[in-house]
Amino acid sequence: MDHAYRNKSVAWIVLVLVLFTTSIAVHDHIDPLDALVIFALCFVCELVDSGLGMGYGTILAPTLLLLGYDAHDIVPTVLLSELLSGFTAAFFHNAIHNVELGLHGRDLWPAAILAAGSVAGVSAGVVLALNLPKGSLNIGVGIVILASGFFVLLHSRRQIAYRRWKMVVLAIVASFNKAVSGGGYGPLVTSGQVLSGVSGKASVGITSFAEAFTCLLAVTLFLAQGEHLNLVLFIPMCAGALLSVPFSVFVISVTREDRLRLVIGSVTMLMGALTLLKVAT
């Protein structure tokens, strides 16, 4: 592990743990045991998401529903925690050179395209979602994700030339999926970048960066409508997610590119299959 990255990781872990324990101590309404359960759950979900560019909201939201939390508390809280963890993951991916997001970095332009496309796609998705059957939309999302994973596996050992137009289409479609179904962004964006010629490691870091902007827009809309954050849920959720980032980013940095593509393709297909299964049931 790079010495500078190790120092940044240790400092970050200490900061998160100090803030988490302090918050638990001063907030009378937080049950320590419940907080630890949420903390551990979010740590695992973000470990997957920061490492593969997908899975945080897809896994976390239904699990919290099963634990008895209200959907009105879950959605804005998940989005805000994903906003913070997304920018954090992008920072650490850039620090360990999985991705280059500096002013002159090679990955800044693809990330900017995805971030800008997120605004257009979310806006269009919100409008169309009000007028189209949600079941049909979710079936479409599942099929697209499943197909994306299949093609990543099919071309996992090929060097794919980068095509900017693919990134533009990907940005609009992925953010549209996010708006109409609440999911499907990470799997499609990560696998779609690989199929557009972006390396597996860079695609994970770019996805974290771009999805953070999508969450920023969504959180802003929620707060503008008078929604409030549930701090009892948000504090352990945010702490668990933020603590996991340096670990998952390091694992990606030492993973071979061809193996990473295989994992991305396989997990993407699994996410697509689970989306279709959810619609069927």
Foldseek 3Di string as FASTA:
>chain_A
DDPVLVVVLVVLLVVLVVLLVVCVVPDPPADVVVLVVLLQVLLVQLLCCLQQVDGRCVPPQVVVVVVPDDNLQPQLLSLVLLLVLLVLSLVSLCVLVLFPCPPPGPCVVLLVLLQVLLVVQLVVLQVVLVPDDLLVLLLVLLVLLLVLLVVLQVCLPPQAEADVVLSNVLSNVLSSSCNNPVGSNRLSQQSSRVNNRDFNSHSSSSSSSNSSSSSVVVSVVCVVVPRDHDCSNNSSSSSSSSSNSSVSSVVNSPDDRSVSSNVSSVVSNVVSVVSNVVSVD
